[in-house]
Amino acid sequence: TPANLRRVCRAGLAAIHGQGVADIQIDGLEGPVVNASWRAPVDGGRRMAQCRIDDDLITWKPVGVTIPEQDRWMNQAGDPVTRFVLDGERVEITQTLPDGAVDQIALVVSDDQRGN
């Protein structure tokens, strides 16, 4: 559902980028793709990304990058693999890094169409 898509993408992008769930703003939906943004920790600007869900896999793409090679979906060999389990408002995120290390986190994410 759109609500679950927003919820999972907020949790996934928060985990991937080391942000709090409340920091991830949902800016809109384009079919199965979520547009999101958050305050850049280094310069205070805005970072933007798109997110989509394929089965239990979270795939994301940076938006507004200046390096053309980075303007792609992060689903290639060498990219971390991010999976989720949705249990009501609880979203469990498991990220497997290219070196085989695994990070897990469980986040509570209520549905709020504004992303707050």
PDB file of N, CA and C in Angstrom:
ATOM      1  N   THR A   1       0.846  -1.182   0.000  1.00  0.00           N
ATOM      2  CA  THR A   1       0.000   0.000   0.000  1.00  0.00           C
ATOM      3  C   THR A   1       0.886   1.237   0.000  1.00  0.00           C
ATOM      4  N   PRO A   2       0.357   2.389  -0.416  1.00  0.00           N
ATOM      5  CA  PRO A   2       1.152   3.617  -0.346  1.00  0.00           C
ATOM      6  C   PRO A   2       1.637   3.919   1.078  1.00  0.00           C
ATOM      7  N   ALA A   3       0.802   3.651   2.082  1.00  0.00           N
ATOM      8  CA  ALA A   3       1.209   3.906   3.472  1.00  0.00           C
ATOM      9  C   ALA A   3       2.408   3.040   3.850  1.00  0.00           C
ATOM     10  N   ASN A   4       2.381   1.770   3.491  1.00  0.00           N
ATOM     11  CA  ASN A   4       3.502   0.880   3.807  1.00  0.00           C
ATOM     12  C   ASN A   4       4.749   1.250   3.009  1.00  0.00           C
ATOM     13  N   LEU A   5       4.564   1.669   1.777  1.00  0.00           N
ATOM     14  CA  LEU A   5       5.695   2.105   0.965  1.00  0.00           C
ATOM     15  C   LEU A   5       6.384   3.301   1.614  1.00  0.00           C
ATOM     16  N   ARG A   6       5.605   4.284   2.043  1.00  0.00           N
ATOM     17  CA  ARG A   6       6.185   5.450   2.737  1.00  0.00           C
ATOM     18  C   ARG A   6       6.882   5.021   4.016  1.00  0.00           C
ATOM     19  N   ARG A   7       6.245   4.160   4.793  1.00  0.00           N
ATOM     20  CA  ARG A   7       6.792   3.719   6.074  1.00  0.00           C
ATOM     21  C   ARG A   7       8.122   2.983   5.883  1.00  0.00           C
ATOM     22  N   VAL A   8       8.160   2.046   4.956  1.00  0.00           N
ATOM     23  CA  VAL A   8       9.374   1.255   4.732  1.00  0.00           C
ATOM     24  C   VAL A   8      10.494   2.124   4.166  1.00  0.00           C
ATOM     25  N   CYS A   9      10.174   3.014   3.243  1.00  0.00           N
ATOM     26  CA  CYS A   9      11.219   3.874   2.675  1.00  0.00           C
ATOM     27  C   CYS A   9      11.771   4.837   3.718  1.00  0.00           C
ATOM     28  N   ARG A  10      10.925   5.370   4.583  1.00  0.00           N
ATOM     29  CA  ARG A  10      11.441   6.243   5.653  1.00  0.00           C
ATOM     30  C   ARG A  10      12.416   5.478   6.531  1.00  0.00           C
ATOM     31  N   ALA A  11      12.036   4.269   6.934  1.00  0.00           N
ATOM     32  CA  ALA A  11      12.914   3.464   7.788  1.00  0.00           C
ATOM     33  C   ALA A  11      14.189   3.081   7.052  1.00  0.00           C
ATOM     34  N   GLY A  12      14.056   2.649   5.806  1.00  0.00           N
ATOM     35  CA  GLY A  12      15.224   2.232   5.041  1.00  0.00           C
ATOM     36  C   GLY A  12      16.208   3.356   4.803  1.00  0.00           C
ATOM     37  N   LEU A  13      15.711   4.505   4.364  1.00  0.00           N
ATOM     38  CA  LEU A  13      16.607   5.631   4.123  1.00  0.00           C
ATOM     39  C   LEU A  13      17.235   6.144   5.412  1.00  0.00           C
ATOM     40  N   ALA A  14      16.485   6.106   6.507  1.00  0.00           N
ATOM     41  CA  ALA A  14      17.051   6.506   7.804  1.00  0.00           C
ATOM     42  C   ALA A  14      18.206   5.581   8.176  1.00  0.00           C
ATOM     43  N   ALA A  15      18.001   4.278   8.030  1.00  0.00           N
ATOM     44  CA  ALA A  15      19.051   3.315   8.378  1.00  0.00           C
ATOM     45  C   ALA A  15      20.249   3.440   7.443  1.00  0.00           C
ATOM     46  N   ILE A  16      20.006   3.547   6.159  1.00  0.00           N
ATOM     47  CA  ILE A  16      21.090   3.621   5.175  1.00  0.00           C
ATOM     48  C   ILE A  16      21.949   4.859   5.383  1.00  0.00           C
ATOM     49  N   HIS A  17      21.309   5.981   5.706  1.00  0.00           N
ATOM     50  CA  HIS A  17      22.031   7.256   5.777  1.00  0.00           C
ATOM     51  C   HIS A  17      22.318   7.714   7.208  1.00  0.00           C
ATOM     52  N   GLY A  18      22.059   6.860   8.194  1.00  0.00           N
ATOM     53  CA  GLY A  18      22.382   7.205   9.574  1.00  0.00           C
ATOM     54  C   GLY A  18      21.570   8.372  10.108  1.00  0.00           C
ATOM     55  N   GLN A  19      20.315   8.441   9.718  1.00  0.00           N
ATOM     56  CA  GLN A  19      19.426   9.517  10.154  1.00  0.00           C
ATOM     57  C   GLN A  19      18.353   8.955  11.073  1.00  0.00           C
ATOM     58  N   GLY A  20      17.699   9.815  11.814  1.00  0.00           N
ATOM     59  CA  GLY A  20      16.528   9.416  12.569  1.00  0.00           C
ATOM     60  C   GLY A  20      15.331   9.346  11.638  1.00  0.00           C
ATOM     61  N   VAL A  21      14.387   8.492  11.952  1.00  0.00           N
ATOM     62  CA  VAL A  21      13.187   8.371  11.128  1.00  0.00           C
ATOM     63  C   VAL A  21      12.495   9.725  10.993  1.00  0.00           C
ATOM     64  N   ALA A  22      12.446  10.483  12.066  1.00  0.00           N
ATOM     65  CA  ALA A  22      11.775  11.787  12.046  1.00  0.00           C
ATOM     66  C   ALA A  22      12.483  12.783  11.123  1.00  0.00           C
ATOM     67  N   ASP A  23      13.751  12.519  10.800  1.00  0.00           N
ATOM     68  CA  ASP A  23      14.505  13.422   9.934  1.00  0.00           C
ATOM     69  C   ASP A  23      14.184  13.225   8.451  1.00  0.00           C
ATOM     70  N   ILE A  24      13.622  12.074   8.098  1.00  0.00           N
ATOM     71  CA  ILE A  24      13.327  11.764   6.696  1.00  0.00           C
ATOM     72  C   ILE A  24      11.948  12.310   6.347  1.00  0.00           C
ATOM     73  N   GLN A  25      11.923  13.233   5.401  1.00  0.00           N
ATOM     74  CA  GLN A  25      10.680  13.864   4.940  1.00  0.00           C
ATOM     75  C   GLN A  25      10.231  13.186   3.647  1.00  0.00           C
ATOM     76  N   ILE A  26       9.004  12.710   3.614  1.00  0.00           N
ATOM     77  CA  ILE A  26       8.453  12.158   2.380  1.00  0.00           C
ATOM     78  C   ILE A  26       7.898  13.320   1.570  1.00  0.00           C
ATOM     79  N   ASP A  27       8.457  13.498   0.370  1.00  0.00           N
ATOM     80  CA  ASP A  27       8.080  14.625  -0.478  1.00  0.00           C
ATOM     81  C   ASP A  27       7.024  14.266  -1.509  1.00  0.00           C
ATOM     82  N   GLY A  28       6.752  12.981  -1.693  1.00  0.00           N
ATOM     83  CA  GLY A  28       5.710  12.587  -2.632  1.00  0.00           C
ATOM     84  C   GLY A  28       5.931  11.187  -3.165  1.00  0.00           C
ATOM     85  N   LEU A  29       4.926  10.701  -3.864  1.00  0.00           N
ATOM     86  CA  LEU A  29       4.978   9.392  -4.504  1.00  0.00           C
ATOM     87  C   LEU A  29       4.833   9.578  -6.007  1.00  0.00           C
ATOM     88  N   GLU A  30       5.589   8.793  -6.766  1.00  0.00           N
ATOM     89  CA  GLU A  30       5.441   8.709  -8.213  1.00  0.00           C
ATOM     90  C   GLU A  30       5.218   7.242  -8.515  1.00  0.00           C
ATOM     91  N   GLY A  31       3.955   6.802  -8.446  1.00  0.00           N
ATOM     92  CA  GLY A  31       3.660   5.385  -8.608  1.00  0.00           C
ATOM     93  C   GLY A  31       4.319   4.598  -7.495  1.00  0.00           C
ATOM     94  N   PRO A  32       5.188   3.635  -7.831  1.00  0.00           N
ATOM     95  CA  PRO A  32       5.845   2.816  -6.802  1.00  0.00           C
ATOM     96  C   PRO A  32       7.134   3.428  -6.243  1.00  0.00           C
ATOM     97  N   VAL A  33       7.414   4.681  -6.580  1.00  0.00           N
ATOM     98  CA  VAL A  33       8.661   5.326  -6.147  1.00  0.00           C
ATOM     99  C   VAL A  33       8.344   6.446  -5.158  1.00  0.00           C
ATOM    100  N   VAL A  34       9.054   6.429  -4.032  1.00  0.00           N
ATOM    101  CA  VAL A  34       8.915   7.458  -3.003  1.00  0.00           C
ATOM    102  C   VAL A  34      10.012   8.498  -3.206  1.00  0.00           C
ATOM    103  N   ASN A  35       9.654   9.773  -3.169  1.00  0.00           N
ATOM    104  CA  ASN A  35      10.620  10.871  -3.166  1.00  0.00           C
ATOM    105  C   ASN A  35      10.782  11.326  -1.720  1.00  0.00           C
ATOM    106  N   ALA A  36      12.025  11.394  -1.261  1.00  0.00           N
ATOM    107  CA  ALA A  36      12.293  11.756   0.131  1.00  0.00           C
ATOM    108  C   ALA A  36      13.461  12.725   0.208  1.00  0.00           C
ATOM    109  N   SER A  37      13.548  13.417   1.340  1.00  0.00           N
ATOM    110  CA  SER A  37      14.679  14.322   1.569  1.00  0.00           C
ATOM    111  C   SER A  37      14.936  14.442   3.060  1.00  0.00           C
ATOM    112  N   TRP A  38      16.115  14.949   3.406  1.00  0.00           N
ATOM    113  CA  TRP A  38      16.496  15.172   4.796  1.00  0.00           C
ATOM    114  C   TRP A  38      17.595  16.224   4.817  1.00  0.00           C
ATOM    115  N   ARG A  39      17.793  16.801   5.972  1.00  0.00           N
ATOM    116  CA  ARG A  39      18.811  17.830   6.157  1.00  0.00           C
ATOM    117  C   ARG A  39      20.190  17.187   6.062  1.00  0.00           C
ATOM    118  N   ALA A  40      21.035  17.757   5.217  1.00  0.00           N
ATOM    119  CA  ALA A  40      22.402  17.256   5.074  1.00  0.00           C
ATOM    120  C   ALA A  40      23.187  17.597   6.332  1.00  0.00           C
ATOM    121  N   PRO A  41      23.794  16.614   6.986  1.00  0.00           N
ATOM    122  CA  PRO A  41      24.481  16.880   8.245  1.00  0.00           C
ATOM    123  C   PRO A  41      25.727  17.737   8.106  1.00  0.00           C
ATOM    124  N   VAL A  42      26.364  17.754   6.955  1.00  0.00           N
ATOM    125  CA  VAL A  42      27.626  18.476   6.804  1.00  0.00           C
ATOM    126  C   VAL A  42      27.404  19.959   6.532  1.00  0.00           C
ATOM    127  N   ASP A  43      26.566  20.264   5.540  1.00  0.00           N
ATOM    128  CA  ASP A  43      26.428  21.664   5.133  1.00  0.00           C
ATOM    129  C   ASP A  43      25.058  22.267   5.417  1.00  0.00           C
ATOM    130  N   GLY A  44      24.148  21.485   5.982  1.00  0.00           N
ATOM    131  CA  GLY A  44      22.821  22.001   6.316  1.00  0.00           C
ATOM    132  C   GLY A  44      21.872  22.114   5.142  1.00  0.00           C
ATOM    133  N   GLY A  45      22.322  21.732   3.938  1.00  0.00           N
ATOM    134  CA  GLY A  45      21.446  21.727   2.772  1.00  0.00           C
ATOM    135  C   GLY A  45      20.476  20.556   2.846  1.00  0.00           C
ATOM    136  N   ARG A  46      19.917  20.168   1.721  1.00  0.00           N
ATOM    137  CA  ARG A  46      18.996  19.034   1.673  1.00  0.00           C
ATOM    138  C   ARG A  46      19.594  17.933   0.822  1.00  0.00           C
ATOM    139  N   ARG A  47      19.534  16.714   1.314  1.00  0.00           N
ATOM    140  CA  ARG A  47      19.862  15.532   0.520  1.00  0.00           C
ATOM    141  C   ARG A  47      18.542  14.960   0.063  1.00  0.00           C
ATOM    142  N   MET A  48      18.513  14.442  -1.143  1.00  0.00           N
ATOM    143  CA  MET A  48      17.292  13.885  -1.705  1.00  0.00           C
ATOM    144  C   MET A  48      17.574  12.503  -2.274  1.00  0.00           C
ATOM    145  N   ALA A  49      16.543  11.661  -2.217  1.00  0.00           N
ATOM    146  CA  ALA A  49      16.671  10.311  -2.757  1.00  0.00           C
ATOM    147  C   ALA A  49      15.308   9.825  -3.198  1.00  0.00           C
ATOM    148  N   GLN A  50      15.338   8.802  -4.039  1.00  0.00           N
ATOM    149  CA  GLN A  50      14.141   8.068  -4.388  1.00  0.00           C
ATOM    150  C   GLN A  50      14.297   6.678  -3.814  1.00  0.00           C
ATOM    151  N   CYS A  51      13.183   6.045  -3.520  1.00  0.00           N
ATOM    152  CA  CYS A  51      13.184   4.726  -2.908  1.00  0.00           C
ATOM    153  C   CYS A  51      12.074   3.901  -3.540  1.00  0.00           C
ATOM    154  N   ARG A  52      12.355   2.629  -3.732  1.00  0.00           N
ATOM    155  CA  ARG A  52      11.318   1.703  -4.210  1.00  0.00           C
ATOM    156  C   ARG A  52      11.509   0.373  -3.493  1.00  0.00           C
ATOM    157  N   ILE A  53      10.461  -0.428  -3.522  1.00  0.00           N
ATOM    158  CA  ILE A  53      10.457  -1.719  -2.842  1.00  0.00           C
ATOM    159  C   ILE A  53      10.235  -2.823  -3.872  1.00  0.00           C
ATOM    160  N   ASP A  54      11.076  -3.836  -3.829  1.00  0.00           N
ATOM    161  CA  ASP A  54      10.918  -5.025  -4.670  1.00  0.00           C
ATOM    162  C   ASP A  54      10.920  -6.230  -3.738  1.00  0.00           C
ATOM    163  N   ASP A  55       9.736  -6.810  -3.513  1.00  0.00           N
ATOM    164  CA  ASP A  55       9.565  -7.891  -2.539  1.00  0.00           C
ATOM    165  C   ASP A  55      10.033  -7.393  -1.168  1.00  0.00           C
ATOM    166  N   ASP A  56      11.124  -7.958  -0.618  1.00  0.00           N
ATOM    167  CA  ASP A  56      11.615  -7.514   0.695  1.00  0.00           C
ATOM    168  C   ASP A  56      12.879  -6.673   0.574  1.00  0.00           C
ATOM    169  N   LEU A  57      13.149  -6.174  -0.618  1.00  0.00           N
ATOM    170  CA  LEU A  57      14.368  -5.423  -0.903  1.00  0.00           C
ATOM    171  C   LEU A  57      14.056  -3.936  -1.048  1.00  0.00           C
ATOM    172  N   ILE A  58      14.842  -3.106  -0.359  1.00  0.00           N
ATOM    173  CA  ILE A  58      14.736  -1.650  -0.489  1.00  0.00           C
ATOM    174  C   ILE A  58      15.839  -1.193  -1.439  1.00  0.00           C
ATOM    175  N   THR A  59      15.444  -0.508  -2.498  1.00  0.00           N
ATOM    176  CA  THR A  59      16.407   0.031  -3.454  1.00  0.00           C
ATOM    177  C   THR A  59      16.257   1.536  -3.456  1.00  0.00           C
ATOM    178  N   TRP A  60      17.375   2.236  -3.467  1.00  0.00           N
ATOM    179  CA  TRP A  60      17.315   3.696  -3.426  1.00  0.00           C
ATOM    180  C   TRP A  60      18.252   4.290  -4.472  1.00  0.00           C
ATOM    181  N   LYS A  61      18.006   5.570  -4.753  1.00  0.00           N
ATOM    182  CA  LYS A  61      18.788   6.307  -5.749  1.00  0.00           C
ATOM    183  C   LYS A  61      18.968   7.734  -5.255  1.00  0.00           C
ATOM    184  N   PRO A  62      20.201   8.258  -5.243  1.00  0.00           N
ATOM    185  CA  PRO A  62      20.375   9.659  -4.872  1.00  0.00           C
ATOM    186  C   PRO A  62      19.780  10.557  -5.963  1.00  0.00           C
ATOM    187  N   VAL A  63      19.277  11.700  -5.575  1.00  0.00           N
ATOM    188  CA  VAL A  63      18.710  12.668  -6.509  1.00  0.00           C
ATOM    189  C   VAL A  63      19.485  13.976  -6.355  1.00  0.00           C
ATOM    190  N   GLY A  64      19.782  14.609  -7.469  1.00  0.00           N
ATOM    191  CA  GLY A  64      20.479  15.899  -7.420  1.00  0.00           C
ATOM    192  C   GLY A  64      21.973  15.785  -7.223  1.00  0.00           C
ATOM    193  N   VAL A  65      22.549  14.627  -7.545  1.00  0.00           N
ATOM    194  CA  VAL A  65      23.996  14.466  -7.391  1.00  0.00           C
ATOM    195  C   VAL A  65      24.717  15.125  -8.570  1.00  0.00           C
ATOM    196  N   THR A  66      25.928  15.558  -8.331  1.00  0.00           N
ATOM    197  CA  THR A  66      26.696  16.240  -9.376  1.00  0.00           C
ATOM    198  C   THR A  66      27.638  15.293 -10.118  1.00  0.00           C
ATOM    199  N   ILE A  67      27.820  14.081  -9.595  1.00  0.00           N
ATOM    200  CA  ILE A  67      28.689  13.095 -10.238  1.00  0.00           C
ATOM    201  C   ILE A  67      27.801  12.110 -10.994  1.00  0.00           C
ATOM    202  N   PRO A  68      27.861  12.102 -12.334  1.00  0.00           N
ATOM    203  CA  PRO A  68      26.952  11.272 -13.130  1.00  0.00           C
ATOM    204  C   PRO A  68      26.962   9.789 -12.751  1.00  0.00           C
ATOM    205  N   GLU A  69      28.111   9.254 -12.347  1.00  0.00           N
ATOM    206  CA  GLU A  69      28.193   7.837 -11.979  1.00  0.00           C
ATOM    207  C   GLU A  69      27.361   7.509 -10.740  1.00  0.00           C
ATOM    208  N   GLN A  70      27.077   8.508  -9.911  1.00  0.00           N
ATOM    209  CA  GLN A  70      26.283   8.285  -8.703  1.00  0.00           C
ATOM    210  C   GLN A  70      24.787   8.418  -8.957  1.00  0.00           C
ATOM    211  N   ASP A  71      24.408   8.860 -10.146  1.00  0.00           N
ATOM    212  CA  ASP A  71      23.001   9.041 -10.494  1.00  0.00           C
ATOM    213  C   ASP A  71      22.443   7.720 -11.015  1.00  0.00           C
ATOM    214  N   ARG A  72      22.249   6.780 -10.077  1.00  0.00           N
ATOM    215  CA  ARG A  72      21.781   5.441 -10.437  1.00  0.00           C
ATOM    216  C   ARG A  72      21.125   4.777  -9.246  1.00  0.00           C
ATOM    217  N   TRP A  73      20.348   3.734  -9.520  1.00  0.00           N
ATOM    218  CA  TRP A  73      19.779   2.935  -8.443  1.00  0.00           C
ATOM    219  C   TRP A  73      20.903   2.125  -7.811  1.00  0.00           C
ATOM    220  N   MET A  74      20.914   2.082  -6.492  1.00  0.00           N
ATOM    221  CA  MET A  74      21.970   1.385  -5.754  1.00  0.00           C
ATOM    222  C   MET A  74      21.626  -0.104  -5.627  1.00  0.00           C
ATOM    223  N   ASN A  75      21.694  -0.805  -6.757  1.00  0.00           N
ATOM    224  CA  ASN A  75      21.363  -2.227  -6.781  1.00  0.00           C
ATOM    225  C   ASN A  75      22.349  -3.019  -7.632  1.00  0.00           C
ATOM    226  N   GLN A  76      23.563  -2.531  -7.720  1.00  0.00           N
ATOM    227  CA  GLN A  76      24.579  -3.207  -8.515  1.00  0.00           C
ATOM    228  C   GLN A  76      25.536  -3.971  -7.603  1.00  0.00           C
ATOM    229  N   ALA A  77      26.305  -4.865  -8.208  1.00  0.00           N
ATOM    230  CA  ALA A  77      27.322  -5.593  -7.448  1.00  0.00           C
ATOM    231  C   ALA A  77      28.219  -4.566  -6.758  1.00  0.00           C
ATOM    232  N   GLY A  78      28.528  -4.802  -5.512  1.00  0.00           N
ATOM    233  CA  GLY A  78      29.344  -3.867  -4.753  1.00  0.00           C
ATOM    234  C   GLY A  78      28.546  -2.882  -3.930  1.00  0.00           C
ATOM    235  N   ASP A  79      27.224  -2.804  -4.153  1.00  0.00           N
ATOM    236  CA  ASP A  79      26.360  -1.947  -3.336  1.00  0.00           C
ATOM    237  C   ASP A  79      25.823  -2.753  -2.153  1.00  0.00           C
ATOM    238  N   PRO A  80      25.619  -2.117  -1.007  1.00  0.00           N
ATOM    239  CA  PRO A  80      24.973  -2.815   0.106  1.00  0.00           C
ATOM    240  C   PRO A  80      23.571  -3.288  -0.306  1.00  0.00           C
ATOM    241  N   VAL A  81      23.140  -4.389   0.291  1.00  0.00           N
ATOM    242  CA  VAL A  81      21.802  -4.936   0.047  1.00  0.00           C
ATOM    243  C   VAL A  81      20.972  -4.673   1.300  1.00  0.00           C
ATOM    244  N   THR A  82      19.836  -3.996   1.124  1.00  0.00           N
ATOM    245  CA  THR A  82      18.997  -3.613   2.250  1.00  0.00           C
ATOM    246  C   THR A  82      17.651  -4.315   2.143  1.00  0.00           C
ATOM    247  N   ARG A  83      17.325  -5.100   3.169  1.00  0.00           N
ATOM    248  CA  ARG A  83      16.062  -5.830   3.211  1.00  0.00           C
ATOM    249  C   ARG A  83      15.254  -5.367   4.419  1.00  0.00           C
ATOM    250  N   PHE A  84      13.947  -5.656   4.384  1.00  0.00           N
ATOM    251  CA  PHE A  84      13.080  -5.235   5.481  1.00  0.00           C
ATOM    252  C   PHE A  84      12.067  -6.309   5.809  1.00  0.00           C
ATOM    253  N   VAL A  85      11.579  -6.228   7.048  1.00  0.00           N
ATOM    254  CA  VAL A  85      10.412  -6.989   7.495  1.00  0.00           C
ATOM    255  C   VAL A  85       9.490  -5.971   8.132  1.00  0.00           C
ATOM    256  N   LEU A  86       8.252  -5.935   7.676  1.00  0.00           N
ATOM    257  CA  LEU A  86       7.258  -4.990   8.177  1.00  0.00           C
ATOM    258  C   LEU A  86       6.334  -5.712   9.135  1.00  0.00           C
ATOM    259  N   ASP A  87       6.226  -5.173  10.343  1.00  0.00           N
ATOM    260  CA  ASP A  87       5.360  -5.746  11.371  1.00  0.00           C
ATOM    261  C   ASP A  87       4.579  -4.600  12.001  1.00  0.00           C
ATOM    262  N   GLY A  88       3.460  -4.226  11.373  1.00  0.00           N
ATOM    263  CA  GLY A  88       2.684  -3.087  11.849  1.00  0.00           C
ATOM    264  C   GLY A  88       3.486  -1.817  11.675  1.00  0.00           C
ATOM    265  N   GLU A  89       3.690  -1.076  12.762  1.00  0.00           N
ATOM    266  CA  GLU A  89       4.485   0.152  12.699  1.00  0.00           C
ATOM    267  C   GLU A  89       5.975  -0.122  12.885  1.00  0.00           C
ATOM    268  N   ARG A  90       6.325  -1.349  13.169  1.00  0.00           N
ATOM    269  CA  ARG A  90       7.731  -1.729  13.364  1.00  0.00           C
ATOM    270  C   ARG A  90       8.312  -2.199  12.041  1.00  0.00           C
ATOM    271  N   VAL A  91       9.457  -1.629  11.667  1.00  0.00           N
ATOM    272  CA  VAL A  91      10.147  -2.010  10.438  1.00  0.00           C
ATOM    273  C   VAL A  91      11.548  -2.466  10.821  1.00  0.00           C
ATOM    274  N   GLU A  92      11.846  -3.722  10.529  1.00  0.00           N
ATOM    275  CA  GLU A  92      13.183  -4.259  10.777  1.00  0.00           C
ATOM    276  C   GLU A  92      13.989  -4.129   9.493  1.00  0.00           C
ATOM    277  N   ILE A  93      15.137  -3.474   9.597  1.00  0.00           N
ATOM    278  CA  ILE A  93      16.006  -3.247   8.451  1.00  0.00           C
ATOM    279  C   ILE A  93      17.281  -4.069   8.644  1.00  0.00           C
ATOM    280  N   THR A  94      17.644  -4.825   7.615  1.00  0.00           N
ATOM    281  CA  THR A  94      18.896  -5.579   7.615  1.00  0.00           C
ATOM    282  C   THR A  94      19.693  -5.145   6.395  1.00  0.00           C
ATOM    283  N   GLN A  95      20.886  -4.632   6.647  1.00  0.00           N
ATOM    284  CA  GLN A  95      21.746  -4.175   5.555  1.00  0.00           C
ATOM    285  C   GLN A  95      22.986  -5.054   5.527  1.00  0.00           C
ATOM    286  N   THR A  96      23.215  -5.699   4.370  1.00  0.00           N
ATOM    287  CA  THR A  96      24.402  -6.522   4.173  1.00  0.00           C
ATOM    288  C   THR A  96      25.383  -5.736   3.317  1.00  0.00           C
ATOM    289  N   LEU A  97      26.537  -5.458   3.887  1.00  0.00           N
ATOM    290  CA  LEU A  97      27.561  -4.662   3.214  1.00  0.00           C
ATOM    291  C   LEU A  97      28.369  -5.542   2.260  1.00  0.00           C
ATOM    292  N   PRO A  98      29.053  -4.949   1.300  1.00  0.00           N
ATOM    293  CA  PRO A  98      29.821  -5.732   0.326  1.00  0.00           C
ATOM    294  C   PRO A  98      30.848  -6.675   0.951  1.00  0.00           C
ATOM    295  N   ASP A  99      31.379  -6.329   2.135  1.00  0.00           N
ATOM    296  CA  ASP A  99      32.368  -7.193   2.785  1.00  0.00           C
ATOM    297  C   ASP A  99      31.733  -8.318   3.595  1.00  0.00           C
ATOM    298  N   GLY A 100      30.383  -8.410   3.553  1.00  0.00           N
ATOM    299  CA  GLY A 100      29.667  -9.462   4.263  1.00  0.00           C
ATOM    300  C   GLY A 100      29.182  -9.066   5.646  1.00  0.00           C
ATOM    301  N   ALA A 101      29.608  -7.923   6.153  1.00  0.00           N
ATOM    302  CA  ALA A 101      29.132  -7.449   7.457  1.00  0.00           C
ATOM    303  C   ALA A 101      27.632  -7.156   7.367  1.00  0.00           C
ATOM    304  N   VAL A 102      26.945  -7.404   8.472  1.00  0.00           N
ATOM    305  CA  VAL A 102      25.494  -7.215   8.514  1.00  0.00           C
ATOM    306  C   VAL A 102      25.141  -6.246   9.635  1.00  0.00           C
ATOM    307  N   ASP A 103      24.340  -5.245   9.305  1.00  0.00           N
ATOM    308  CA  ASP A 103      23.798  -4.303  10.283  1.00  0.00           C
ATOM    309  C   ASP A 103      22.296  -4.517  10.347  1.00  0.00           C
ATOM    310  N   GLN A 104      21.745  -4.553  11.562  1.00  0.00           N
ATOM    311  CA  GLN A 104      20.303  -4.692  11.738  1.00  0.00           C
ATOM    312  C   GLN A 104      19.806  -3.615  12.674  1.00  0.00           C
ATOM    313  N   ILE A 105      18.594  -3.132  12.387  1.00  0.00           N
ATOM    314  CA  ILE A 105      17.960  -2.149  13.248  1.00  0.00           C
ATOM    315  C   ILE A 105      16.455  -2.322  13.107  1.00  0.00           C
ATOM    316  N   ALA A 106      15.736  -2.097  14.193  1.00  0.00           N
ATOM    317  CA  ALA A 106      14.279  -2.105  14.168  1.00  0.00           C
ATOM    318  C   ALA A 106      13.816  -0.697  14.520  1.00  0.00           C
ATOM    319  N   LEU A 107      12.952  -0.142  13.686  1.00  0.00           N
ATOM    320  CA  LEU A 107      12.463   1.219  13.866  1.00  0.00           C
ATOM    321  C   LEU A 107      10.943   1.225  13.908  1.00  0.00           C
ATOM    322  N   VAL A 108      10.378   2.109  14.692  1.00  0.00           N
ATOM    323  CA  VAL A 108       8.937   2.295  14.714  1.00  0.00           C
ATOM    324  C   VAL A 108       8.627   3.489  13.831  1.00  0.00           C
ATOM    325  N   VAL A 109       7.789   3.258  12.816  1.00  0.00           N
ATOM    326  CA  VAL A 109       7.467   4.300  11.848  1.00  0.00           C
ATOM    327  C   VAL A 109       5.954   4.322  11.651  1.00  0.00           C
ATOM    328  N   SER A 110       5.322   5.369  12.144  1.00  0.00           N
ATOM    329  CA  SER A 110       3.886   5.502  11.904  1.00  0.00           C
ATOM    330  C   SER A 110       3.688   6.127  10.538  1.00  0.00           C
ATOM    331  N   ASP A 111       2.523   5.882   9.947  1.00  0.00           N
ATOM    332  CA  ASP A 111       2.241   6.476   8.644  1.00  0.00           C
ATOM    333  C   ASP A 111       1.803   7.909   8.822  1.00  0.00           C
ATOM    334  N   ASP A 112       2.521   8.775   8.150  1.00  0.00           N
ATOM    335  CA  ASP A 112       2.177  10.198   8.140  1.00  0.00           C
ATOM    336  C   ASP A 112       2.490  10.665   6.728  1.00  0.00           C
ATOM    337  N   GLN A 113       1.495  10.983   5.961  1.00  0.00           N
ATOM    338  CA  GLN A 113       1.692  11.339   4.564  1.00  0.00           C
ATOM    339  C   GLN A 113       2.615  12.527   4.387  1.00  0.00           C
ATOM    340  N   ARG A 114       2.727  13.374   5.381  1.00  0.00           N
ATOM    341  CA  ARG A 114       3.628  14.528   5.301  1.00  0.00           C
ATOM    342  C   ARG A 114       5.072  14.101   5.577  1.00  0.00           C
ATOM    343  N   GLY A 115       5.271  12.880   6.117  1.00  0.00           N
ATOM    344  CA  GLY A 115       6.613  12.401   6.405  1.00  0.00           C
ATOM    345  C   GLY A 115       7.110  12.820   7.771  1.00  0.00           C
ATOM    346  N   ASN A 116       6.271  13.456   8.589  1.00  0.00           N
ATOM    347  CA  ASN A 116       6.705  13.898   9.925  1.00  0.00           C
ATOM    348  C   ASN A 116       6.333  12.885  10.971  1.00  0.00           C
TER     349      ASN A 116
END
